[in-house]
Amino acid sequence: LVFEMGPLKTDWTKTCSMSMPQAEREEKCISQNEASWGTKNLARLEMIKTEVDPHGLFVCTSGIGYDKDLRKVTESPTSMPSVAPSAATAGP
């Protein structure tokens, strides 16, 4: 995955070059979310996202947590919560 990046960390007036390898861009450039929300607000929003969606089910391209793995995996990714059948759908 290639993530959109904000400006350079050293000079916010210069854009992050798409020709840089992704690892270098992550090191030298500010994330698009950090540029949009600010460092403190982004940290707060990431904390809220983790609390509200601990399994990372709700993903929005370029949204909060899109460029990071914020999931707190507490069960296997292939397991789904079991749901008891309701009386209306239960057989005789």
PDB file of N, CA and C in Angstrom:
ATOM      1  N   LEU A   1       0.821  -1.190   0.000  1.00  0.00           N
ATOM      2  CA  LEU A   1       0.000   0.000   0.000  1.00  0.00           C
ATOM      3  C   LEU A   1       0.866   1.255   0.000  1.00  0.00           C
ATOM      4  N   VAL A   2       0.493   2.210  -0.782  1.00  0.00           N
ATOM      5  CA  VAL A   2       1.162   3.503  -0.780  1.00  0.00           C
ATOM      6  C   VAL A   2       0.183   4.495  -0.196  1.00  0.00           C
ATOM      7  N   PHE A   3       0.622   5.172   0.846  1.00  0.00           N
ATOM      8  CA  PHE A   3      -0.256   6.116   1.522  1.00  0.00           C
ATOM      9  C   PHE A   3       0.050   7.533   1.080  1.00  0.00           C
ATOM     10  N   GLU A   4      -1.002   8.327   0.975  1.00  0.00           N
ATOM     11  CA  GLU A   4      -0.824   9.743   0.688  1.00  0.00           C
ATOM     12  C   GLU A   4      -0.087  10.369   1.858  1.00  0.00           C
ATOM     13  N   MET A   5       0.803  11.265   1.576  1.00  0.00           N
ATOM     14  CA  MET A   5       1.578  11.911   2.624  1.00  0.00           C
ATOM     15  C   MET A   5       1.382  13.420   2.535  1.00  0.00           C
ATOM     16  N   GLY A   6       1.575  14.058   3.682  1.00  0.00           N
ATOM     17  CA  GLY A   6       1.527  15.511   3.746  1.00  0.00           C
ATOM     18  C   GLY A   6       2.895  16.076   3.383  1.00  0.00           C
ATOM     19  N   PRO A   7       3.228  17.226   3.898  1.00  0.00           N
ATOM     20  CA  PRO A   7       4.504  17.866   3.573  1.00  0.00           C
ATOM     21  C   PRO A   7       5.684  17.210   4.287  1.00  0.00           C
ATOM     22  N   LEU A   8       6.884  17.677   3.954  1.00  0.00           N
ATOM     23  CA  LEU A   8       8.095  17.215   4.621  1.00  0.00           C
ATOM     24  C   LEU A   8       8.074  17.646   6.079  1.00  0.00           C
ATOM     25  N   LYS A   9       8.606  16.820   6.959  1.00  0.00           N
ATOM     26  CA  LYS A   9       8.669  17.168   8.385  1.00  0.00           C
ATOM     27  C   LYS A   9       9.582  18.362   8.614  1.00  0.00           C
ATOM     28  N   THR A  10      10.629  18.478   7.812  1.00  0.00           N
ATOM     29  CA  THR A  10      11.600  19.552   7.997  1.00  0.00           C
ATOM     30  C   THR A  10      11.163  20.882   7.399  1.00  0.00           C
ATOM     31  N   ASP A  11      10.230  20.838   6.438  1.00  0.00           N
ATOM     32  CA  ASP A  11       9.784  22.069   5.793  1.00  0.00           C
ATOM     33  C   ASP A  11       8.359  21.868   5.266  1.00  0.00           C
ATOM     34  N   TRP A  12       7.394  22.365   6.006  1.00  0.00           N
ATOM     35  CA  TRP A  12       5.989  22.162   5.661  1.00  0.00           C
ATOM     36  C   TRP A  12       5.578  22.870   4.370  1.00  0.00           C
ATOM     37  N   THR A  13       6.456  23.698   3.808  1.00  0.00           N
ATOM     38  CA  THR A  13       6.123  24.370   2.550  1.00  0.00           C
ATOM     39  C   THR A  13       6.486  23.507   1.345  1.00  0.00           C
ATOM     40  N   LYS A  14       7.169  22.367   1.574  1.00  0.00           N
ATOM     41  CA  LYS A  14       7.580  21.486   0.480  1.00  0.00           C
ATOM     42  C   LYS A  14       6.799  20.178   0.546  1.00  0.00           C
ATOM     43  N   THR A  15       6.336  19.750  -0.610  1.00  0.00           N
ATOM     44  CA  THR A  15       5.571  18.512  -0.672  1.00  0.00           C
ATOM     45  C   THR A  15       6.488  17.297  -0.584  1.00  0.00           C
ATOM     46  N   CYS A  16       5.909  16.210  -0.162  1.00  0.00           N
ATOM     47  CA  CYS A  16       6.615  14.947  -0.070  1.00  0.00           C
ATOM     48  C   CYS A  16       6.636  14.317  -1.463  1.00  0.00           C
ATOM     49  N   SER A  17       7.800  13.985  -1.950  1.00  0.00           N
ATOM     50  CA  SER A  17       7.937  13.455  -3.301  1.00  0.00           C
ATOM     51  C   SER A  17       7.396  12.039  -3.411  1.00  0.00           C
ATOM     52  N   MET A  18       6.564  11.807  -4.409  1.00  0.00           N
ATOM     53  CA  MET A  18       6.031  10.469  -4.674  1.00  0.00           C
ATOM     54  C   MET A  18       7.124   9.534  -5.190  1.00  0.00           C
ATOM     55  N   SER A  19       8.261  10.093  -5.621  1.00  0.00           N
ATOM     56  CA  SER A  19       9.334   9.250  -6.138  1.00  0.00           C
ATOM     57  C   SER A  19      10.150   8.593  -5.013  1.00  0.00           C
ATOM     58  N   MET A  20       9.983   9.071  -3.765  1.00  0.00           N
ATOM     59  CA  MET A  20      10.673   8.447  -2.629  1.00  0.00           C
ATOM     60  C   MET A  20      10.061   7.077  -2.349  1.00  0.00           C
ATOM     61  N   PRO A  21      10.882   6.119  -1.924  1.00  0.00           N
ATOM     62  CA  PRO A  21      10.306   4.844  -1.481  1.00  0.00           C
ATOM     63  C   PRO A  21       9.388   5.077  -0.275  1.00  0.00           C
ATOM     64  N   GLN A  22       8.386   4.207  -0.098  1.00  0.00           N
ATOM     65  CA  GLN A  22       7.395   4.381   0.969  1.00  0.00           C
ATOM     66  C   GLN A  22       8.051   4.517   2.338  1.00  0.00           C
ATOM     67  N   ALA A  23       9.041   3.689   2.643  1.00  0.00           N
ATOM     68  CA  ALA A  23       9.695   3.741   3.960  1.00  0.00           C
ATOM     69  C   ALA A  23      10.347   5.104   4.195  1.00  0.00           C
ATOM     70  N   GLU A  24      10.954   5.648   3.163  1.00  0.00           N
ATOM     71  CA  GLU A  24      11.590   6.965   3.289  1.00  0.00           C
ATOM     72  C   GLU A  24      10.540   8.061   3.454  1.00  0.00           C
ATOM     73  N   ARG A  25       9.426   7.928   2.741  1.00  0.00           N
ATOM     74  CA  ARG A  25       8.346   8.909   2.866  1.00  0.00           C
ATOM     75  C   ARG A  25       7.777   8.900   4.278  1.00  0.00           C
ATOM     76  N   GLU A  26       7.607   7.697   4.853  1.00  0.00           N
ATOM     77  CA  GLU A  26       7.087   7.604   6.215  1.00  0.00           C
ATOM     78  C   GLU A  26       8.045   8.237   7.214  1.00  0.00           C
ATOM     79  N   GLU A  27       9.342   8.150   6.933  1.00  0.00           N
ATOM     80  CA  GLU A  27      10.348   8.726   7.830  1.00  0.00           C
ATOM     81  C   GLU A  27      10.452  10.241   7.677  1.00  0.00           C
ATOM     82  N   LYS A  28      10.398  10.747   6.452  1.00  0.00           N
ATOM     83  CA  LYS A  28      10.679  12.158   6.184  1.00  0.00           C
ATOM     84  C   LYS A  28       9.449  13.047   6.035  1.00  0.00           C
ATOM     85  N   CYS A  29       8.275  12.443   5.875  1.00  0.00           N
ATOM     86  CA  CYS A  29       7.079  13.234   5.595  1.00  0.00           C
ATOM     87  C   CYS A  29       6.036  13.073   6.691  1.00  0.00           C
ATOM     88  N   ILE A  30       5.187  14.052   6.795  1.00  0.00           N
ATOM     89  CA  ILE A  30       4.086  14.028   7.753  1.00  0.00           C
ATOM     90  C   ILE A  30       2.924  13.301   7.088  1.00  0.00           C
ATOM     91  N   SER A  31       2.238  12.471   7.845  1.00  0.00           N
ATOM     92  CA  SER A  31       1.095  11.773   7.263  1.00  0.00           C
ATOM     93  C   SER A  31       0.016  12.775   6.893  1.00  0.00           C
ATOM     94  N   GLN A  32      -0.818  12.371   5.954  1.00  0.00           N
ATOM     95  CA  GLN A  32      -1.906  13.241   5.531  1.00  0.00           C
ATOM     96  C   GLN A  32      -2.837  13.540   6.706  1.00  0.00           C
ATOM     97  N   ASN A  33      -3.103  12.541   7.534  1.00  0.00           N
ATOM     98  CA  ASN A  33      -3.967  12.761   8.695  1.00  0.00           C
ATOM     99  C   ASN A  33      -3.330  13.710   9.701  1.00  0.00           C
ATOM    100  N   GLU A  34      -2.038  13.570   9.940  1.00  0.00           N
ATOM    101  CA  GLU A  34      -1.377  14.472  10.885  1.00  0.00           C
ATOM    102  C   GLU A  34      -1.375  15.898  10.355  1.00  0.00           C
ATOM    103  N   ALA A  35      -1.175  16.051   9.054  1.00  0.00           N
ATOM    104  CA  ALA A  35      -1.205  17.386   8.452  1.00  0.00           C
ATOM    105  C   ALA A  35      -2.607  17.990   8.552  1.00  0.00           C
ATOM    106  N   SER A  36      -3.627  17.155   8.426  1.00  0.00           N
ATOM    107  CA  SER A  36      -5.010  17.643   8.475  1.00  0.00           C
ATOM    108  C   SER A  36      -5.489  17.917   9.894  1.00  0.00           C
ATOM    109  N   TRP A  37      -5.245  16.974  10.804  1.00  0.00           N
ATOM    110  CA  TRP A  37      -5.814  17.038  12.154  1.00  0.00           C
ATOM    111  C   TRP A  37      -4.876  17.634  13.193  1.00  0.00           C
ATOM    112  N   GLY A  38      -3.578  17.626  12.940  1.00  0.00           N
ATOM    113  CA  GLY A  38      -2.611  18.072  13.952  1.00  0.00           C
ATOM    114  C   GLY A  38      -2.182  16.883  14.811  1.00  0.00           C
ATOM    115  N   THR A  39      -1.011  16.938  15.366  1.00  0.00           N
ATOM    116  CA  THR A  39      -0.439  15.815  16.107  1.00  0.00           C
ATOM    117  C   THR A  39      -1.281  15.431  17.322  1.00  0.00           C
ATOM    118  N   LYS A  40      -1.664  16.403  18.148  1.00  0.00           N
ATOM    119  CA  LYS A  40      -2.434  16.103  19.368  1.00  0.00           C
ATOM    120  C   LYS A  40      -3.820  15.573  19.034  1.00  0.00           C
ATOM    121  N   ASN A  41      -4.512  16.221  18.109  1.00  0.00           N
ATOM    122  CA  ASN A  41      -5.857  15.777  17.742  1.00  0.00           C
ATOM    123  C   ASN A  41      -5.833  14.393  17.108  1.00  0.00           C
ATOM    124  N   LEU A  42      -4.821  14.126  16.268  1.00  0.00           N
ATOM    125  CA  LEU A  42      -4.728  12.815  15.627  1.00  0.00           C
ATOM    126  C   LEU A  42      -4.529  11.726  16.673  1.00  0.00           C
ATOM    127  N   ALA A  43      -3.675  11.957  17.656  1.00  0.00           N
ATOM    128  CA  ALA A  43      -3.461  10.965  18.718  1.00  0.00           C
ATOM    129  C   ALA A  43      -4.760  10.702  19.471  1.00  0.00           C
ATOM    130  N   ARG A  44      -5.520  11.749  19.752  1.00  0.00           N
ATOM    131  CA  ARG A  44      -6.806  11.602  20.454  1.00  0.00           C
ATOM    132  C   ARG A  44      -7.805  10.841  19.593  1.00  0.00           C
ATOM    133  N   LEU A  45      -7.877  11.170  18.316  1.00  0.00           N
ATOM    134  CA  LEU A  45      -8.793  10.488  17.411  1.00  0.00           C
ATOM    135  C   LEU A  45      -8.423   9.014  17.227  1.00  0.00           C
ATOM    136  N   GLU A  46      -7.120   8.719  17.178  1.00  0.00           N
ATOM    137  CA  GLU A  46      -6.675   7.325  17.069  1.00  0.00           C
ATOM    138  C   GLU A  46      -7.059   6.537  18.320  1.00  0.00           C
ATOM    139  N   MET A  47      -6.964   7.175  19.482  1.00  0.00           N
ATOM    140  CA  MET A  47      -7.357   6.516  20.725  1.00  0.00           C
ATOM    141  C   MET A  47      -8.863   6.217  20.705  1.00  0.00           C
ATOM    142  N   ILE A  48      -9.663   7.181  20.277  1.00  0.00           N
ATOM    143  CA  ILE A  48     -11.114   6.988  20.191  1.00  0.00           C
ATOM    144  C   ILE A  48     -11.424   5.876  19.193  1.00  0.00           C
ATOM    145  N   LYS A  49     -10.773   5.888  18.036  1.00  0.00           N
ATOM    146  CA  LYS A  49     -10.999   4.858  17.016  1.00  0.00           C
ATOM    147  C   LYS A  49     -10.685   3.477  17.579  1.00  0.00           C
ATOM    148  N   THR A  50      -9.615   3.341  18.338  1.00  0.00           N
ATOM    149  CA  THR A  50      -9.235   2.067  18.926  1.00  0.00           C
ATOM    150  C   THR A  50     -10.270   1.599  19.938  1.00  0.00           C
ATOM    151  N   GLU A  51     -10.792   2.521  20.730  1.00  0.00           N
ATOM    152  CA  GLU A  51     -11.804   2.164  21.741  1.00  0.00           C
ATOM    153  C   GLU A  51     -13.139   1.787  21.096  1.00  0.00           C
ATOM    154  N   VAL A  52     -13.539   2.511  20.070  1.00  0.00           N
ATOM    155  CA  VAL A  52     -14.827   2.281  19.432  1.00  0.00           C
ATOM    156  C   VAL A  52     -14.783   1.074  18.484  1.00  0.00           C
ATOM    157  N   ASP A  53     -13.653   0.869  17.832  1.00  0.00           N
ATOM    158  CA  ASP A  53     -13.521  -0.188  16.829  1.00  0.00           C
ATOM    159  C   ASP A  53     -12.250  -1.006  17.088  1.00  0.00           C
ATOM    160  N   PRO A  54     -12.208  -1.769  18.192  1.00  0.00           N
ATOM    161  CA  PRO A  54     -10.978  -2.469  18.582  1.00  0.00           C
ATOM    162  C   PRO A  54     -10.538  -3.543  17.591  1.00  0.00           C
ATOM    163  N   HIS A  55     -11.443  -4.036  16.746  1.00  0.00           N
ATOM    164  CA  HIS A  55     -11.076  -5.088  15.798  1.00  0.00           C
ATOM    165  C   HIS A  55     -10.833  -4.545  14.390  1.00  0.00           C
ATOM    166  N   GLY A  56     -10.896  -3.242  14.227  1.00  0.00           N
ATOM    167  CA  GLY A  56     -10.617  -2.622  12.932  1.00  0.00           C
ATOM    168  C   GLY A  56     -11.601  -3.003  11.843  1.00  0.00           C
ATOM    169  N   LEU A  57     -12.868  -3.120  12.194  1.00  0.00           N
ATOM    170  CA  LEU A  57     -13.885  -3.491  11.208  1.00  0.00           C
ATOM    171  C   LEU A  57     -14.273  -2.330  10.298  1.00  0.00           C
ATOM    172  N   PHE A  58     -14.190  -1.110  10.807  1.00  0.00           N
ATOM    173  CA  PHE A  58     -14.602   0.058  10.044  1.00  0.00           C
ATOM    174  C   PHE A  58     -13.362   0.775   9.522  1.00  0.00           C
ATOM    175  N   VAL A  59     -13.153   0.684   8.225  1.00  0.00           N
ATOM    176  CA  VAL A  59     -11.967   1.265   7.606  1.00  0.00           C
ATOM    177  C   VAL A  59     -12.420   2.252   6.542  1.00  0.00           C
ATOM    178  N   CYS A  60     -11.816   3.408   6.573  1.00  0.00           N
ATOM    179  CA  CYS A  60     -12.116   4.443   5.592  1.00  0.00           C
ATOM    180  C   CYS A  60     -10.796   4.875   4.960  1.00  0.00           C
ATOM    181  N   THR A  61     -10.722   4.795   3.648  1.00  0.00           N
ATOM    182  CA  THR A  61      -9.501   5.190   2.966  1.00  0.00           C
ATOM    183  C   THR A  61      -9.109   6.599   3.386  1.00  0.00           C
ATOM    184  N   SER A  62      -7.894   6.733   3.834  1.00  0.00           N
ATOM    185  CA  SER A  62      -7.330   7.997   4.328  1.00  0.00           C
ATOM    186  C   SER A  62      -8.012   8.490   5.598  1.00  0.00           C
ATOM    187  N   GLY A  63      -8.814   7.656   6.247  1.00  0.00           N
ATOM    188  CA  GLY A  63      -9.452   8.028   7.506  1.00  0.00           C
ATOM    189  C   GLY A  63      -8.518   7.778   8.684  1.00  0.00           C
ATOM    190  N   ILE A  64      -9.004   8.062   9.870  1.00  0.00           N
ATOM    191  CA  ILE A  64      -8.221   7.854  11.090  1.00  0.00           C
ATOM    192  C   ILE A  64      -7.868   6.373  11.197  1.00  0.00           C
ATOM    193  N   GLY A  65      -6.585   6.095  11.351  1.00  0.00           N
ATOM    194  CA  GLY A  65      -6.120   4.724  11.515  1.00  0.00           C
ATOM    195  C   GLY A  65      -5.876   3.975  10.225  1.00  0.00           C
ATOM    196  N   TYR A  66      -6.153   4.580   9.088  1.00  0.00           N
ATOM    197  CA  TYR A  66      -5.972   3.890   7.815  1.00  0.00           C
ATOM    198  C   TYR A  66      -4.507   3.549   7.553  1.00  0.00           C
ATOM    199  N   ASP A  67      -3.610   4.424   7.953  1.00  0.00           N
ATOM    200  CA  ASP A  67      -2.191   4.193   7.691  1.00  0.00           C
ATOM    201  C   ASP A  67      -1.481   3.455   8.823  1.00  0.00           C
ATOM    202  N   LYS A  68      -2.216   3.013   9.833  1.00  0.00           N
ATOM    203  CA  LYS A  68      -1.635   2.296  10.969  1.00  0.00           C
ATOM    204  C   LYS A  68      -2.525   1.126  11.324  1.00  0.00           C
ATOM    205  N   ASP A  69      -1.949   0.161  12.010  1.00  0.00           N
ATOM    206  CA  ASP A  69      -2.753  -0.950  12.494  1.00  0.00           C
ATOM    207  C   ASP A  69      -3.119  -0.623  13.934  1.00  0.00           C
ATOM    208  N   LEU A  70      -4.315  -0.096  14.150  1.00  0.00           N
ATOM    209  CA  LEU A  70      -4.752   0.317  15.478  1.00  0.00           C
ATOM    210  C   LEU A  70      -5.507  -0.780  16.210  1.00  0.00           C
ATOM    211  N   ARG A  71      -5.667  -1.930  15.542  1.00  0.00           N
ATOM    212  CA  ARG A  71      -6.472  -3.001  16.125  1.00  0.00           C
ATOM    213  C   ARG A  71      -5.796  -3.598  17.348  1.00  0.00           C
ATOM    214  N   LYS A  72      -6.612  -3.897  18.335  1.00  0.00           N
ATOM    215  CA  LYS A  72      -6.182  -4.665  19.494  1.00  0.00           C
ATOM    216  C   LYS A  72      -6.810  -6.033  19.290  1.00  0.00           C
ATOM    217  N   VAL A  73      -6.062  -6.941  18.727  1.00  0.00           N
ATOM    218  CA  VAL A  73      -6.621  -8.242  18.385  1.00  0.00           C
ATOM    219  C   VAL A  73      -6.787  -9.058  19.653  1.00  0.00           C
ATOM    220  N   THR A  74      -8.032  -9.410  19.951  1.00  0.00           N
ATOM    221  CA  THR A  74      -8.314 -10.197  21.145  1.00  0.00           C
ATOM    222  C   THR A  74      -8.826 -11.578  20.783  1.00  0.00           C
ATOM    223  N   GLU A  75      -9.101 -11.780  19.495  1.00  0.00           N
ATOM    224  CA  GLU A  75      -9.522 -13.094  19.040  1.00  0.00           C
ATOM    225  C   GLU A  75      -8.983 -13.271  17.638  1.00  0.00           C
ATOM    226  N   SER A  76      -9.010 -14.476  17.135  1.00  0.00           N
ATOM    227  CA  SER A  76      -8.444 -14.728  15.823  1.00  0.00           C
ATOM    228  C   SER A  76      -9.200 -13.917  14.780  1.00  0.00           C
ATOM    229  N   PRO A  77      -8.495 -13.393  13.772  1.00  0.00           N
ATOM    230  CA  PRO A  77      -9.145 -12.556  12.771  1.00  0.00           C
ATOM    231  C   PRO A  77     -10.210 -13.292  11.977  1.00  0.00           C
ATOM    232  N   THR A  78     -10.152 -14.622  11.937  1.00  0.00           N
ATOM    233  CA  THR A  78     -11.145 -15.366  11.161  1.00  0.00           C
ATOM    234  C   THR A  78     -12.371 -15.713  11.980  1.00  0.00           C
ATOM    235  N   SER A  79     -12.304 -15.551  13.297  1.00  0.00           N
ATOM    236  CA  SER A  79     -13.469 -15.905  14.103  1.00  0.00           C
ATOM    237  C   SER A  79     -14.458 -14.754  14.143  1.00  0.00           C
ATOM    238  N   MET A  80     -15.698 -15.091  14.173  1.00  0.00           N
ATOM    239  CA  MET A  80     -16.754 -14.094  14.253  1.00  0.00           C
ATOM    240  C   MET A  80     -17.491 -14.303  15.560  1.00  0.00           C
ATOM    241  N   PRO A  81     -18.016 -13.255  16.152  1.00  0.00           N
ATOM    242  CA  PRO A  81     -18.768 -13.434  17.386  1.00  0.00           C
ATOM    243  C   PRO A  81     -19.976 -14.325  17.124  1.00  0.00           C
ATOM    244  N   SER A  82     -20.260 -15.200  18.061  1.00  0.00           N
ATOM    245  CA  SER A  82     -21.414 -16.072  17.875  1.00  0.00           C
ATOM    246  C   SER A  82     -22.679 -15.307  18.246  1.00  0.00           C
ATOM    247  N   VAL A  83     -23.723 -15.562  17.508  1.00  0.00           N
ATOM    248  CA  VAL A  83     -25.001 -14.903  17.739  1.00  0.00           C
ATOM    249  C   VAL A  83     -26.035 -15.996  17.949  1.00  0.00           C
ATOM    250  N   ALA A  84     -26.717 -15.948  19.073  1.00  0.00           N
ATOM    251  CA  ALA A  84     -27.756 -16.934  19.361  1.00  0.00           C
ATOM    252  C   ALA A  84     -28.950 -16.669  18.467  1.00  0.00           C
ATOM    253  N   PRO A  85     -29.553 -17.710  17.891  1.00  0.00           N
ATOM    254  CA  PRO A  85     -30.731 -17.469  17.041  1.00  0.00           C
ATOM    255  C   PRO A  85     -31.877 -16.922  17.881  1.00  0.00           C
ATOM    256  N   SER A  86     -32.630 -16.030  17.275  1.00  0.00           N
ATOM    257  CA  SER A  86     -33.769 -15.458  17.994  1.00  0.00           C
ATOM    258  C   SER A  86     -34.922 -16.452  17.976  1.00  0.00           C
ATOM    259  N   ALA A  87     -35.897 -16.242  18.817  1.00  0.00           N
ATOM    260  CA  ALA A  87     -37.057 -17.127  18.889  1.00  0.00           C
ATOM    261  C   ALA A  87     -37.816 -17.125  17.568  1.00  0.00           C
ATOM    262  N   ALA A  88     -37.786 -15.998  16.847  1.00  0.00           N
ATOM    263  CA  ALA A  88     -38.521 -15.895  15.593  1.00  0.00           C
ATOM    264  C   ALA A  88     -37.893 -16.772  14.511  1.00  0.00           C
ATOM    265  N   THR A  89     -36.560 -16.957  14.561  1.00  0.00           N
ATOM    266  CA  THR A  89     -35.904 -17.753  13.531  1.00  0.00           C
ATOM    267  C   THR A  89     -35.622 -19.176  13.966  1.00  0.00           C
ATOM    268  N   ALA A  90     -35.839 -19.475  15.225  1.00  0.00           N
ATOM    269  CA  ALA A  90     -35.576 -20.828  15.715  1.00  0.00           C
ATOM    270  C   ALA A  90     -36.620 -21.786  15.158  1.00  0.00           C
ATOM    271  N   GLY A  91     -36.162 -22.982  14.840  1.00  0.00           N
ATOM    272  CA  GLY A  91     -37.068 -23.992  14.290  1.00  0.00           C
ATOM    273  C   GLY A  91     -37.949 -24.591  15.378  1.00  0.00           C
ATOM    274  N   PRO A  92     -38.931 -25.442  14.976  1.00  0.00           N
ATOM    275  CA  PRO A  92     -39.872 -26.047  15.943  1.00  0.00           C
ATOM    276  C   PRO A  92     -39.199 -27.020  16.879  1.00  0.00           C
TER     277      PRO A  92
END
